[in-house]
Protein backbone atom coordinates (compact mmCIF):
# COMPACT_ATOMS: atom_id res chain seq x y z
CA MET A 1 37.31 12.23 37.71
CA THR A 2 39.57 14.78 39.71
CA PRO A 3 38.21 18.45 40.22
CA SER A 4 40.43 19.73 37.53
CA LEU A 5 39.34 17.26 34.64
CA ALA A 6 35.47 17.77 35.83
CA THR A 7 35.87 21.61 35.55
CA ARG A 8 37.77 21.48 32.24
CA ALA A 9 34.94 18.99 31.04
CA ARG A 10 32.00 21.35 32.00
CA ALA A 11 33.96 24.18 30.12
CA LEU A 12 34.35 22.28 26.95
CA MET A 13 30.45 21.26 27.23
CA LEU A 14 29.40 24.98 27.66
CA GLY A 15 31.66 26.25 24.81
CA ALA A 16 30.34 23.43 22.58
CA ALA A 17 26.72 24.65 23.45
CA LEU A 18 27.63 28.17 22.85
CA LEU A 19 28.86 27.27 19.42
CA THR A 20 25.86 25.48 18.78
CA ALA A 21 23.45 28.23 19.79
CA CYS A 22 25.53 30.69 17.78
CA GLY A 23 24.89 28.62 14.67
CA ILE A 24 28.56 27.38 14.18
CA PRO A 25 28.67 23.84 13.16
CA GLN A 26 30.78 21.59 15.30
CA PRO A 27 33.18 19.12 13.29
CA VAL A 28 32.08 15.77 13.60
CA ALA A 29 34.41 12.72 12.77
CA SER A 30 33.13 10.19 10.31
CA PRO A 31 32.00 6.90 11.91
CA PRO A 32 34.75 4.34 11.39
CA MET A 33 32.03 1.85 10.46
CA TYR A 34 30.27 1.19 7.05
CA ALA A 35 27.29 3.45 6.11
CA LYS A 36 26.61 4.50 9.93
CA ARG A 37 26.15 8.19 9.09
CA ALA A 38 24.94 9.64 5.99
CA GLU A 39 23.88 13.34 4.83
CA SER A 40 21.30 14.42 2.07
CA THR A 41 18.95 16.94 1.30
CA GLN A 42 16.81 14.57 -0.96
CA GLY A 43 15.82 11.92 1.45
CA MET A 44 17.03 9.46 3.83
CA VAL A 45 16.55 5.73 5.19
CA THR A 46 18.09 4.13 8.07
CA ALA A 47 17.40 0.44 9.05
CA SER A 48 18.75 -2.31 10.75
CA HIS A 49 20.30 -3.88 7.64
CA ALA A 50 22.06 -2.15 4.88
CA ASP A 51 19.99 -3.97 1.94
CA ALA A 52 16.92 -2.89 3.49
CA ALA A 53 17.77 0.58 3.82
CA ALA A 54 19.20 0.30 0.26
CA ALA A 55 15.56 -1.02 -0.84
CA GLY A 56 13.84 2.13 0.69
CA ALA A 57 16.14 4.61 -0.86
CA THR A 58 15.80 3.10 -4.25
CA ILE A 59 12.13 3.62 -3.90
CA LEU A 60 12.72 7.22 -2.99
CA ARG A 61 15.02 7.59 -6.01
CA GLU A 62 12.23 6.14 -8.22
CA GLY A 63 9.78 8.81 -7.16
CA GLY A 64 8.20 7.01 -4.14
CA ASN A 65 7.21 9.13 -1.20
CA ALA A 66 8.31 8.38 2.79
CA VAL A 67 5.19 5.76 3.03
CA ASP A 68 6.47 4.00 -0.27
CA ALA A 69 9.82 3.72 1.11
CA ALA A 70 8.72 2.50 4.46
CA VAL A 71 6.73 -0.30 3.01
CA ALA A 72 9.63 -1.36 0.62
CA THR A 73 12.07 -1.13 3.71
CA ALA A 74 9.82 -3.17 5.99
CA PHE A 75 9.19 -5.93 3.30
CA ALA A 76 12.95 -6.06 2.89
CA LEU A 77 13.46 -6.27 6.44
CA ALA A 78 11.30 -9.37 6.56
CA VAL A 79 13.64 -11.00 4.32
CA VAL A 80 17.10 -9.87 5.60
CA ASP A 81 16.32 -9.77 9.45
CA PRO A 82 14.37 -12.69 10.14
CA SER A 83 15.61 -13.19 13.80
CA GLN A 84 14.09 -9.72 14.68
CA THR A 85 10.80 -9.33 12.31
CA GLY A 86 9.14 -10.54 9.27
CA LEU A 87 6.05 -11.39 7.58
CA GLY A 88 4.59 -12.92 10.81
CA ALA A 89 5.30 -9.84 12.79
CA GLY A 90 3.17 -6.94 14.39
CA GLY A 91 4.21 -3.40 14.98
CA GLY A 92 3.48 0.21 14.72
CA MET A 93 4.22 3.30 12.89
CA VAL A 94 3.71 7.19 13.00
CA VAL A 95 3.15 8.84 9.94
CA TRP A 96 3.67 12.59 9.34
CA ASN A 97 2.36 14.40 6.17
CA HIS A 98 4.17 17.67 5.77
CA GLY A 99 2.10 19.07 2.99
CA THR A 100 -1.24 18.82 5.18
CA ALA A 101 0.49 19.17 8.47
CA HIS A 102 -1.40 16.07 9.81
CA ALA A 103 0.05 13.07 11.81
CA ASP A 104 -1.44 9.59 11.89
CA ALA A 105 -0.64 6.55 14.02
CA LEU A 106 -1.24 3.04 12.76
CA GLU A 107 -1.24 -0.01 14.89
CA PHE A 108 -0.91 -3.69 13.47
CA TYR A 109 0.47 -5.49 16.60
CA SER A 110 -0.04 -9.08 17.35
CA ARG A 111 -3.69 -9.85 18.32
CA THR A 112 -5.52 -12.65 19.91
CA GLY A 113 -8.46 -14.08 17.97
CA ALA A 114 -12.21 -14.73 18.73
CA ASP A 115 -12.01 -18.17 20.65
CA ALA A 116 -12.38 -18.00 24.52
CA ASP A 117 -9.29 -20.30 24.63
CA TRP A 118 -6.82 -17.27 23.97
CA ALA A 119 -7.83 -16.41 27.55
CA ARG A 120 -6.24 -19.55 28.94
CA MET A 121 -2.58 -19.24 30.24
CA ASP A 122 -0.35 -22.24 29.43
CA SER A 123 2.97 -22.34 31.32
CA ALA A 124 4.18 -25.57 29.78
CA ALA A 125 3.71 -24.26 26.24
CA ALA A 126 6.41 -21.69 26.97
CA ARG A 127 8.97 -24.15 27.77
CA ALA A 128 8.69 -25.66 24.44
CA PRO A 129 11.27 -24.78 21.58
CA ILE A 130 8.27 -24.11 19.39
CA ASN A 131 5.54 -22.18 21.27
CA GLY A 132 2.29 -21.99 19.18
CA ARG A 133 0.23 -20.33 21.95
CA ALA A 134 2.80 -17.53 22.08
CA ALA A 135 1.85 -16.77 18.39
CA GLY A 136 -0.83 -13.84 17.92
CA ILE A 137 -2.32 -12.97 14.82
CA PRO A 138 0.11 -11.19 12.52
CA GLY A 139 -0.51 -7.57 11.60
CA ALA A 140 2.49 -6.43 9.84
CA VAL A 141 1.33 -7.29 6.15
CA ALA A 142 -2.19 -5.95 6.75
CA GLY A 143 -0.54 -2.54 8.22
CA LEU A 144 2.01 -2.28 5.53
CA LEU A 145 -0.57 -2.89 2.67
CA GLU A 146 -3.23 -0.62 4.37
CA ALA A 147 -0.63 2.18 4.88
CA HIS A 148 0.62 1.97 1.35
CA ALA A 149 -3.02 2.04 -0.03
CA LYS A 150 -3.81 5.01 1.77
CA TRP A 151 -0.85 7.02 1.31
CA GLY A 152 1.63 5.54 -1.21
CA LYS A 153 2.33 6.64 -4.74
CA LEU A 154 3.87 3.87 -6.61
CA PRO A 155 2.51 0.67 -7.65
CA ARG A 156 2.52 -2.26 -4.80
CA ALA A 157 4.47 -4.39 -7.16
CA GLN A 158 7.08 -1.97 -7.63
CA VAL A 159 7.30 -1.16 -3.88
CA MET A 160 7.63 -4.81 -2.96
CA ALA A 161 10.22 -5.72 -5.96
CA PRO A 162 13.47 -5.10 -3.96
CA ALA A 163 12.23 -7.34 -1.19
CA ILE A 164 11.26 -10.10 -3.61
CA ALA A 165 14.82 -10.01 -5.35
CA LEU A 166 16.40 -10.25 -1.88
CA ALA A 167 14.43 -13.39 -1.11
CA ARG A 168 14.67 -14.84 -4.55
CA ASP A 169 18.51 -14.27 -5.37
CA GLY A 170 19.78 -13.98 -1.77
CA PHE A 171 21.64 -11.64 0.37
CA ILE A 172 24.79 -11.66 2.29
CA VAL A 173 24.47 -12.69 5.84
CA SER A 174 25.25 -10.26 8.49
CA PRO A 175 26.99 -10.84 11.88
CA LEU A 176 23.69 -10.21 13.78
CA LEU A 177 21.78 -13.13 11.91
CA ALA A 178 24.89 -15.32 12.27
CA ARG A 179 24.76 -14.82 16.22
CA THR A 180 21.18 -14.75 16.66
CA ALA A 181 21.00 -18.10 14.48
CA GLU A 182 23.34 -19.77 16.71
CA ALA A 183 21.86 -18.45 19.99
CA SER A 184 18.54 -20.01 18.76
CA ARG A 185 19.94 -23.27 17.90
CA ALA A 186 17.20 -25.16 20.02
CA LYS A 187 14.44 -23.47 18.32
CA LEU A 188 15.73 -23.62 14.84
CA THR A 189 16.59 -27.22 15.10
CA ALA A 190 12.91 -27.87 16.10
CA ASP A 191 11.56 -27.22 12.58
CA SER A 192 13.35 -29.05 9.65
CA ALA A 193 12.68 -26.48 7.16
CA ALA A 194 13.85 -23.65 9.49
CA ALA A 195 17.09 -25.78 10.35
CA ALA A 196 17.72 -26.23 6.50
CA LEU A 197 17.95 -22.57 6.01
CA PHE A 198 19.38 -21.04 9.11
CA LEU A 199 21.34 -24.27 10.34
CA PRO A 200 22.67 -25.77 6.97
CA GLY A 201 24.47 -28.73 7.75
CA GLY A 202 24.12 -28.62 11.23
CA GLN A 203 26.21 -25.24 11.54
CA ALA A 204 24.69 -21.95 11.98
CA LEU A 205 24.86 -19.25 9.03
CA ARG A 206 28.05 -17.41 9.08
CA PRO A 207 28.86 -13.93 7.90
CA GLY A 208 29.64 -13.63 4.24
CA GLU A 209 27.57 -16.36 3.21
CA ARG A 210 24.34 -15.89 0.74
CA LEU A 211 20.95 -17.04 2.19
CA VAL A 212 18.37 -17.89 -0.37
CA GLN A 213 14.66 -17.87 0.69
CA ALA A 214 12.68 -19.30 -2.27
CA GLN A 215 9.54 -19.96 -0.41
CA LEU A 216 9.39 -16.48 1.04
CA ALA A 217 10.12 -15.13 -2.31
CA GLN A 218 6.68 -17.04 -3.58
CA THR A 219 4.91 -15.79 -0.59
CA LEU A 220 6.19 -12.05 -1.37
CA GLU A 221 5.17 -12.44 -4.91
CA ALA A 222 1.87 -13.62 -3.97
CA ILE A 223 1.33 -10.62 -1.72
CA ALA A 224 2.59 -8.17 -4.44
CA ARG A 225 -0.08 -9.80 -7.06
CA ASP A 226 -3.12 -10.09 -4.77
CA GLY A 227 -2.70 -7.86 -1.82
CA ARG A 228 -4.04 -8.60 1.52
CA ALA A 229 -6.12 -11.59 0.32
CA ALA A 230 -3.00 -13.56 -0.62
CA PHE A 231 -1.77 -13.65 3.08
CA TYR A 232 -4.92 -13.49 5.21
CA GLU A 233 -7.37 -15.71 3.17
CA GLY A 234 -7.03 -18.76 1.18
CA ALA A 235 -4.41 -21.51 0.84
CA MET A 236 -1.60 -19.36 2.62
CA ALA A 237 -3.74 -18.53 5.66
CA GLU A 238 -4.88 -22.06 5.74
CA ARG A 239 -1.35 -23.35 5.87
CA THR A 240 -0.40 -20.69 8.56
CA VAL A 241 -3.58 -21.60 10.71
CA ALA A 242 -2.76 -25.25 10.48
CA ARG A 243 0.66 -24.93 11.62
CA MET A 244 -0.38 -22.59 14.54
CA ARG A 245 -2.84 -25.12 15.71
CA LYS A 246 -0.45 -27.94 15.38
CA TYR A 247 1.57 -26.15 18.13
CA GLY A 248 -1.35 -25.17 20.42
CA SER A 249 -2.76 -22.01 19.06
CA ALA A 250 -6.35 -21.38 19.16
CA ALA A 251 -5.99 -19.35 15.86
CA THR A 252 -8.80 -19.81 13.00
CA ALA A 253 -9.11 -18.62 9.48
CA ALA A 254 -11.55 -16.23 10.54
CA ASP A 255 -9.11 -14.53 13.02
CA PHE A 256 -6.82 -13.89 9.80
CA LYS A 257 -9.44 -12.86 7.63
CA GLY A 258 -10.73 -10.27 10.10
CA TYR A 259 -7.50 -8.85 11.50
CA PRO A 260 -8.13 -5.04 11.96
CA VAL A 261 -5.42 -2.47 11.42
CA ALA A 262 -6.03 0.15 13.96
CA PHE A 263 -5.91 3.98 12.54
CA GLN A 264 -5.39 5.91 15.47
CA ARG A 265 -4.23 9.30 16.87
CA PRO A 266 -0.55 9.69 18.01
CA LEU A 267 0.47 10.59 21.63
CA CYS A 268 1.36 14.21 21.40
CA THR A 269 3.08 16.52 23.84
CA THR A 270 4.95 19.99 23.65
CA TRP A 271 8.37 19.67 24.75
CA MET A 272 11.16 22.43 24.96
CA GLY A 273 9.76 24.06 21.68
CA HIS A 274 9.14 21.01 20.14
CA THR A 275 6.05 18.74 19.48
CA LEU A 276 6.69 14.77 20.29
CA LEU A 277 4.50 12.42 18.44
CA SER A 278 4.73 8.54 19.32
CA ALA A 279 2.88 5.41 19.53
CA PRO A 280 -0.43 5.27 21.41
CA PRO A 281 -1.35 2.22 23.76
CA PRO A 282 -1.09 -0.59 23.84
CA LEU A 283 2.35 0.34 22.37
CA GLY A 284 4.88 2.11 24.23
CA GLY A 285 5.16 5.65 23.32
CA ALA A 286 4.22 7.17 26.60
CA VAL A 287 7.39 6.09 28.49
CA PRO A 288 9.92 8.18 26.49
CA LEU A 289 7.65 11.20 26.08
CA ALA A 290 6.99 11.41 29.89
CA ALA A 291 10.86 10.79 30.60
CA LEU A 292 11.60 13.72 28.28
CA ASN A 293 9.15 15.98 29.95
CA LEU A 294 10.65 15.01 33.56
CA LEU A 295 13.97 16.07 32.32
CA ALA A 296 12.75 19.38 30.98
CA VAL A 297 11.05 20.46 33.98
CA THR A 298 13.93 19.48 36.23
CA ASN A 299 16.08 21.48 34.54
CA SER A 300 18.62 18.98 33.55
CA VAL A 301 20.29 20.77 30.59
CA PRO A 302 22.69 22.48 32.49
CA LEU A 303 23.85 19.35 34.34
CA GLY A 304 25.49 18.62 31.04
CA SER A 305 26.56 15.19 29.11
CA PRO A 306 25.55 12.06 31.02
CA THR A 307 28.84 10.48 29.61
CA THR A 308 31.06 12.71 31.88
CA GLN A 309 28.85 14.34 34.55
CA GLY A 310 27.67 12.28 37.31
CA ALA A 311 24.58 14.35 38.12
CA ALA A 312 23.42 14.34 34.69
CA ALA A 313 23.57 10.41 34.62
CA VAL A 314 21.74 10.31 38.05
CA GLN A 315 19.03 12.61 36.71
CA ILE A 316 18.35 10.72 33.55
CA LEU A 317 18.20 7.49 35.42
CA GLY A 318 15.64 8.97 37.80
CA ALA A 319 13.69 10.44 35.15
CA LEU A 320 13.46 7.02 33.36
CA ARG A 321 12.47 5.42 36.59
CA VAL A 322 9.72 7.57 37.43
CA ALA A 323 8.56 7.39 33.79
CA GLU A 324 8.76 3.77 33.69
CA GLY A 325 7.23 3.47 37.07
CA ASP A 326 4.04 5.67 36.41
CA ALA A 327 3.48 4.33 32.86
CA GLY A 328 4.03 0.63 33.96
CA ARG A 329 1.09 0.67 36.14
CA PHE A 330 -1.30 0.98 32.95
CA ARG A 331 -1.36 -1.55 30.30
CA GLY A 332 -3.40 -3.67 28.14
CA ASP A 333 -5.53 -3.06 24.96
CA PRO A 334 -7.39 0.30 25.84
CA ALA A 335 -10.46 -1.09 24.51
CA TYR A 336 -10.57 -3.11 27.56
CA TYR A 337 -8.44 -1.47 30.00
CA ALA A 338 -7.94 1.99 31.23
CA VAL A 339 -4.47 3.60 30.15
CA PRO A 340 -4.39 7.42 31.10
CA ALA A 341 -1.59 8.13 28.31
CA ARG A 342 -2.56 11.81 27.60
CA GLY A 343 -2.06 12.27 31.50
CA LEU A 344 1.23 10.46 31.53
CA ILE A 345 2.73 12.54 28.94
CA SER A 346 1.39 15.73 30.01
CA PRO A 347 3.72 18.66 30.83
CA ALA A 348 1.55 19.54 33.73
CA PHE A 349 1.97 15.91 35.35
CA ALA A 350 5.50 16.06 34.73
CA ALA A 351 5.71 19.21 36.82
CA LYS A 352 4.13 17.36 39.79
CA ARG A 353 6.45 14.55 39.43
CA ALA A 354 9.55 16.40 39.26
CA SER A 355 9.97 15.86 43.14
CA ALA A 356 10.03 12.19 42.50
CA VAL A 357 12.92 12.58 40.18
CA ALA A 358 14.78 14.24 42.69
CA ALA A 359 14.23 11.83 45.33
CA ALA A 360 14.91 8.64 43.22
CA GLU A 361 17.62 6.72 44.58
CA GLY A 362 18.65 2.90 44.32
CA GLY A 363 16.83 0.27 46.12
CA VAL A 364 13.85 2.35 46.58
CA ALA A 365 10.89 2.21 43.85
CA PRO A 366 9.48 5.51 42.96
CA VAL A 367 5.92 5.98 44.52
CA ALA A 368 3.68 6.24 41.37
CA GLY A 369 1.85 9.71 40.67
CA ASP A 370 -1.82 9.82 39.55
CA PRO A 371 -2.03 10.93 35.98
CA TRP A 372 -5.94 10.89 35.71
CA PRO A 373 -6.79 14.68 36.58
CA ASP A 374 -4.44 15.57 33.71
CA ASP A 375 -5.66 12.91 31.56
CA ALA A 376 -9.04 14.73 31.51
CA VAL A 377 -7.42 18.03 30.42
CA ALA A 378 -7.79 18.63 26.66
CA PRO A 379 -4.23 19.95 25.30
CA THR A 380 -3.90 23.27 23.69
CA GLY A 381 -1.53 24.74 20.99
CA ALA A 382 0.21 22.27 18.64
CA CYS A 383 -1.29 18.99 20.10
CA ALA A 384 -4.85 20.46 20.06
CA ALA A 385 -4.35 21.44 16.29
CA LEU A 386 -2.90 17.71 15.63
CA ASP A 387 -5.84 16.19 17.40
CA GLY A 388 -3.68 13.96 19.59
CA TRP A 389 -4.71 10.80 21.45
CA GLY A 390 -7.53 11.67 23.80
CA ALA A 391 -8.38 10.81 27.19
CA SER A 392 -9.08 7.35 28.49
CA ALA A 393 -12.89 6.48 28.14
CA LEU A 394 -12.74 3.58 30.77
CA GLY A 395 -11.46 5.30 34.08
CA PRO A 396 -9.45 3.94 36.96
CA ASP A 397 -11.72 1.25 37.95
CA LYS A 398 -10.75 -0.67 34.52
CA VAL A 399 -6.94 -0.77 35.28
CA ALA A 400 -5.35 -3.99 34.86
CA ALA A 401 -4.05 -5.70 37.96
CA PRO A 402 -0.48 -5.51 38.56
CA ARG A 403 1.93 -7.71 36.61
CA ALA A 404 3.52 -10.29 38.59
CA PRO A 405 7.44 -10.03 38.38
CA ARG A 406 9.08 -12.13 35.72
CA PRO A 407 12.19 -14.14 36.60
CA GLY A 408 15.40 -13.15 34.53
CA GLY A 409 18.89 -14.38 34.30
CA ASP A 410 22.02 -13.38 32.53
CA ASP A 411 20.98 -15.04 29.33
CA ASP A 412 17.70 -13.18 29.24
CA ALA A 413 19.59 -9.78 29.92
CA ALA A 414 21.79 -10.70 26.89
CA TRP A 415 19.31 -12.06 24.22
CA GLY A 416 15.77 -10.91 25.59
CA GLY A 417 16.43 -7.38 24.82
CA SER A 418 18.08 -8.14 21.51
CA ASN A 419 15.08 -8.41 19.46
CA THR A 420 12.91 -6.15 17.16
CA THR A 421 13.93 -3.67 14.50
CA HIS A 422 13.15 0.07 13.91
CA PHE A 423 13.72 2.16 10.85
CA SER A 424 13.04 5.68 9.79
CA VAL A 425 12.35 7.39 6.72
CA VAL A 426 12.17 11.11 5.34
CA ASP A 427 11.55 12.13 2.02
CA ARG A 428 12.63 15.16 -0.19
CA ASP A 429 9.18 16.73 0.74
CA ARG A 430 9.85 16.10 4.46
CA ASN A 431 7.16 13.60 4.85
CA ALA A 432 8.34 11.02 7.26
CA VAL A 433 7.49 7.58 8.65
CA SER A 434 8.83 6.05 12.15
CA MET A 435 8.08 2.45 12.26
CA THR A 436 9.01 -0.54 14.66
CA PHE A 437 8.00 -4.05 14.12
CA THR A 438 8.82 -7.42 15.77
CA VAL A 439 8.41 -11.14 15.84
CA GLY A 440 9.07 -10.75 19.77
CA VAL A 441 11.96 -12.98 21.02
CA LEU A 442 14.51 -14.18 18.76
CA PHE A 443 12.86 -16.00 15.60
CA GLY A 444 9.46 -15.36 17.55
CA SER A 445 7.23 -18.32 18.71
CA GLY A 446 9.45 -20.53 16.44
CA VAL A 447 6.27 -21.60 14.22
CA TYR A 448 7.58 -21.63 10.74
CA VAL A 449 5.52 -21.47 7.68
CA ASN A 450 5.31 -20.09 4.05
CA GLY A 451 8.89 -18.95 4.61
CA PHE A 452 8.44 -16.67 7.60
CA PHE A 453 8.29 -17.07 11.24
CA LEU A 454 5.15 -16.39 13.38
CA ASN A 455 5.57 -13.59 16.29
CA SER A 456 5.53 -14.42 20.19
CA GLY A 457 3.43 -11.33 20.66
CA ALA A 458 0.80 -13.10 22.40
CA ALA A 459 3.05 -13.81 25.35
CA ASN A 460 3.04 -10.16 26.02
CA LEU A 461 -0.57 -10.80 27.58
CA ASP A 462 -0.61 -11.95 31.12
CA ALA A 463 -3.21 -13.39 33.50
CA SER A 464 -4.77 -9.83 33.91
CA THR A 465 -4.88 -8.54 30.39
CA ARG A 466 -5.30 -11.89 28.41
CA GLY A 467 -8.47 -12.60 26.32
CA PRO A 468 -10.00 -12.74 23.07
CA ASN A 469 -9.84 -10.06 20.32
CA ARG A 470 -7.09 -7.96 22.02
CA TYR A 471 -3.78 -6.32 21.05
CA ALA A 472 -0.78 -7.21 22.95
CA SER A 473 1.13 -4.56 24.73
CA SER A 474 4.56 -3.52 23.73
CA THR A 475 7.33 -1.18 24.56
CA ILE A 476 8.04 -0.36 20.77
CA ASN A 477 7.65 3.60 20.48
CA PRO A 478 8.33 4.75 16.93
CA THR A 479 8.33 8.56 17.29
CA ILE A 480 8.46 11.82 15.06
CA ILE A 481 9.47 15.24 16.57
CA LEU A 482 8.46 18.18 14.91
CA ARG A 483 9.56 21.75 15.22
CA GLY A 484 6.60 23.69 14.21
CA ASN A 485 5.39 22.00 11.21
CA ASP A 486 8.96 20.68 10.25
CA VAL A 487 10.19 17.41 10.71
CA ARG A 488 13.18 17.57 13.45
CA MET A 489 13.89 14.03 14.20
CA VAL A 490 12.56 10.54 13.45
CA VAL A 491 13.61 8.19 15.99
CA GLY A 492 12.73 4.97 17.64
CA ALA A 493 14.72 1.75 18.65
CA ALA A 494 14.69 -2.07 18.92
CA GLY A 495 15.42 -4.19 21.87
CA SER A 496 12.51 -4.87 24.37
CA GLN A 497 13.03 -3.29 27.65
CA TYR A 498 15.83 -1.21 26.22
CA ILE A 499 13.47 0.36 23.69
CA PRO A 500 12.02 3.44 25.46
CA THR A 501 15.16 4.08 27.70
CA SER A 502 17.03 4.37 24.39
CA THR A 503 14.88 6.62 22.56
CA THR A 504 14.79 8.87 25.45
CA GLN A 505 18.58 9.27 25.76
CA VAL A 506 19.10 9.73 22.02
CA ALA A 507 16.36 12.38 21.74
CA TRP A 508 17.69 14.21 24.89
CA ARG A 509 21.17 14.22 23.72
CA HIS A 510 20.62 15.41 20.37
CA LEU A 511 17.99 17.86 20.91
CA ALA A 512 18.40 19.19 24.35
CA LEU A 513 22.27 18.82 24.71
CA GLY A 514 23.04 19.55 21.14
CA GLU A 515 25.08 16.62 20.43
CA ASP A 516 25.39 15.36 16.86
CA PRO A 517 23.16 12.74 16.04
CA TRP A 518 26.05 10.22 15.34
CA THR A 519 27.48 11.09 18.89
CA ALA A 520 23.97 11.00 20.47
CA ILE A 521 23.48 7.34 19.15
CA ALA A 522 26.76 6.17 19.62
CA ALA A 523 27.09 7.46 23.14
CA PRO A 524 26.91 4.98 26.18
CA ARG A 525 23.60 4.36 27.82
CA LEU A 526 22.06 3.44 31.23
CA GLN A 527 19.34 1.16 31.64
CA PRO A 528 17.34 0.95 35.06
CA ALA A 529 17.37 -2.89 36.06
CA GLN A 530 15.86 -4.73 39.13
CA GLY A 531 16.39 -3.54 42.84
CA ARG A 532 19.47 -1.21 43.08
CA SER A 533 21.01 -2.45 39.87
CA VAL A 534 21.60 -0.13 36.75
CA GLU A 535 22.95 -1.47 33.70
CA VAL A 536 25.91 0.51 32.24
CA GLU A 537 27.63 0.27 28.82
CA SER A 538 31.36 0.87 28.72
CA GLY A 539 32.62 4.47 28.07
CA PHE A 540 31.28 6.65 31.11
CA ALA A 541 33.43 8.78 33.05
CA PRO A 542 34.67 7.16 36.46
CA GLU A 543 32.71 10.33 38.04
CA VAL A 544 29.60 8.59 36.70
CA TYR A 545 30.02 5.41 38.15
CA ALA A 546 30.80 7.01 41.55
CA ALA A 547 27.61 9.44 41.34
CA LEU A 548 25.55 6.26 40.70
CA ARG A 549 26.87 4.51 43.95
CA ALA A 550 26.46 7.60 45.97
CA LYS A 551 22.91 7.37 45.05
CA GLY A 552 22.43 3.84 46.01
CA TYR A 553 22.79 2.26 42.75
CA TYR A 554 24.83 -0.83 41.80
CA PRO A 555 26.34 -0.21 38.44
CA LEU A 556 26.24 -3.41 36.39
CA SER A 557 28.56 -3.78 33.60
CA ARG A 558 26.74 -5.12 30.23
CA VAL A 559 28.95 -5.49 27.35
CA GLY A 560 27.25 -6.61 24.17
CA ASP A 561 26.92 -5.04 20.78
CA ILE A 562 23.24 -5.67 20.42
CA MET A 563 22.09 -4.75 23.74
CA PHE A 564 21.08 -1.19 25.08
CA GLY A 565 18.58 -1.03 21.99
CA GLY A 566 18.96 -0.46 18.37
CA VAL A 567 18.26 3.24 17.25
CA HIS A 568 17.76 4.08 13.67
CA ALA A 569 17.17 7.86 13.42
CA ILE A 570 16.96 10.79 10.97
CA ALA A 571 17.76 14.52 12.35
CA VAL A 572 17.07 17.52 10.13
CA VAL A 573 19.70 19.90 10.98
CA LYS A 574 19.72 23.41 9.05
CA GLY A 575 18.03 21.76 6.20
CA THR A 576 20.16 18.77 5.80
CA LEU A 577 19.08 15.19 6.57
CA ILE A 578 21.40 13.21 8.97
CA GLY A 579 20.83 9.59 9.02
CA VAL A 580 22.47 7.49 11.75
CA ALA A 581 22.37 3.78 12.41
CA ASP A 582 23.16 2.47 15.69
CA PRO A 583 26.79 0.89 15.72
CA ARG A 584 25.36 -1.70 17.94
CA ARG A 585 23.56 -3.30 15.17
CA ASP A 586 24.35 -4.17 11.60
CA GLY A 587 22.34 -1.43 10.02
CA ALA A 588 22.98 1.39 7.67
CA ALA A 589 21.93 5.19 6.69
CA VAL A 590 21.21 5.31 2.83
CA ALA A 591 20.48 8.36 0.69
CA PRO A 592 18.71 8.00 -2.38
């Protein structure tokens, strides 16, 4: 970018910021795609498939609250987004009750069972199209039903009715499902029942075709009628366990019956006048919260938009690398391994790490900081009132050993980051739910039974963290951002390693830089990669690429419509709910 163009861009951004600060709304062009941006005062659902978002909006219209709508949306996604999620998935959610000013976090991620064989590594199993040893005990159904029982208003059958109809009557296949079915041909072909549905006649599903899943409809009807017992006990559970064990799993009927949903406190930190709430360990809320704090303490707002300003892009990349490096040292089920998450997200710890952001450059891994002193400090203010996630009870001697590097190629980059689904819900009373759930890699472990795929979450456990009765770690970070006691933004992402970086960049652009939510989500993103490499989407100014090179980075172009995360968010701006679905996916924002 020439000096004159750079000066003009900075002036335009300064003018936009002044208009925003003065309360003058900036014109926003409507997205040239179906249902990607919507506004309402009566509620909003944003999800990775239009039918699922419509299911949640229907429940809001019928008088349900945010949790009712979230449960409806999730069960619908289990039907229409099977390469990313399903009844065999695991996940987590953060729930905000506006009336009581109370927040909760639920974890129902994939979990190992009681047998000691869960600790055994089997590298040969990972090479098989169907990998039963990768399948953890699925928690999605248990988590959804317990959330509904605790906070929902409408009957379970009513909340699940839209999902049952989508499975029984069918839905129109989306481009994402068509592409992922083709990409997973080897896995789907290995199971005749899965192949009959997703590769009919040997051809992958095509956009516009109708997919009917009669067996899945029967499974959903049983859950609607009999609740948790229908899925985790009896004939259905026995079939699921038998299928998993056929492909090498150590799962038992007792593991299913005893699956525990973890009701926890959310991670909590104050940031630029907001309160950030996200998923605690072993889920991945620490990285975006730590990165946002780093951007605040390094005075990054005046640098402007990372789309046009090289210094801003370098700063965001540095904050992401430092946050990921600090948090990446700590993983595993916190009942067994020390994870000082409260210290990692502390503004005081971020202040100590500001110099690391300034020093970050390509080819040099940031030296990790020590969050333990800050983990021991109890929060004050909003996070004290909300009783956020507490200090680790274990200590540094229980930290898991470093994870061995994982080899990866272009195919891994193109498809390994494409899995998972996230959705956001806000109702008319401003209760909110942020939820992410996943089958792991595309179509999970490939184990298909009762109309759904089992997850691959157990593969997230490595030689250091693997063992019986443990939740697997994940990058998912369902997040709710408050201003006082009012919801300001509900956000999260899909996409494996792209999840924390996408959430960070979208929240920063909207809340710190004042970009419209649509602009914040549609804008190009950066992704730290191995060594000097940094993945970049198209759409950055030439100055940005030059600035990255000057800092020793090698920009690596990654062009793909489902990469760089799939963010589905709701922002509350002057009393109006603005829902946005990521243009990288097939989702929609739907108001009741």
